[in-house]
Amino acid sequence: MNIQIIVNDTHHDKCFRELVDQPVTALRGMTQQQADALRDAFGINTIAELAELKAVKWARAIRTMASAEAEPSGEKAKETLIDDAVEMTFPASDPVSIQSSITRIEVAPDKVDASSDHQGAAAIEAHNRETIGKPALGPGGEKTAGAA
């Protein structure tokens, strides 16, 4: 193990037997503020005391056992049923539908020209032309009476 990556520069020349008795600030990244918090909360001053902390040992044991623990068979069966139901609803062969919530892609309808299809298109057009200073046009495209 390369000890230089886990302890500060001032402790590179020490062996493991010496390091266990060093303050926790000898560990790379451990600040004095963090060391003070460990001392105040748990009475920890050295690397050895930190390693022996019951809460640390219990947390490591739980993590180790969790990685080895098998999922309960009932939970695994439920998960399998859910996976199968989702696959039937959203087949894996159609990834677009799964990612975008689209179940089928249909051909889009032909678009209509909104200016001639809209109920108030003529009034909107007249207003727009008046706003930009152009004469208003009638339904056939001719200038209306009163238009300059």
Foldseek 3Di string as FASTA:
>chain_A
DQCPQFFDPVCNVDDPVVQQAAFPNRTPPQDPVNSVVCCVPPVGGGNVVVVPPPVVVVVVVVVVVVVVDDDPPVVVVVVVVVVVVVCVQAPPVCVVCVVPVNRDDDDDDDDDDCLVPPPCNLVVQCVVCVVVVHARADPVRHGDPPTD
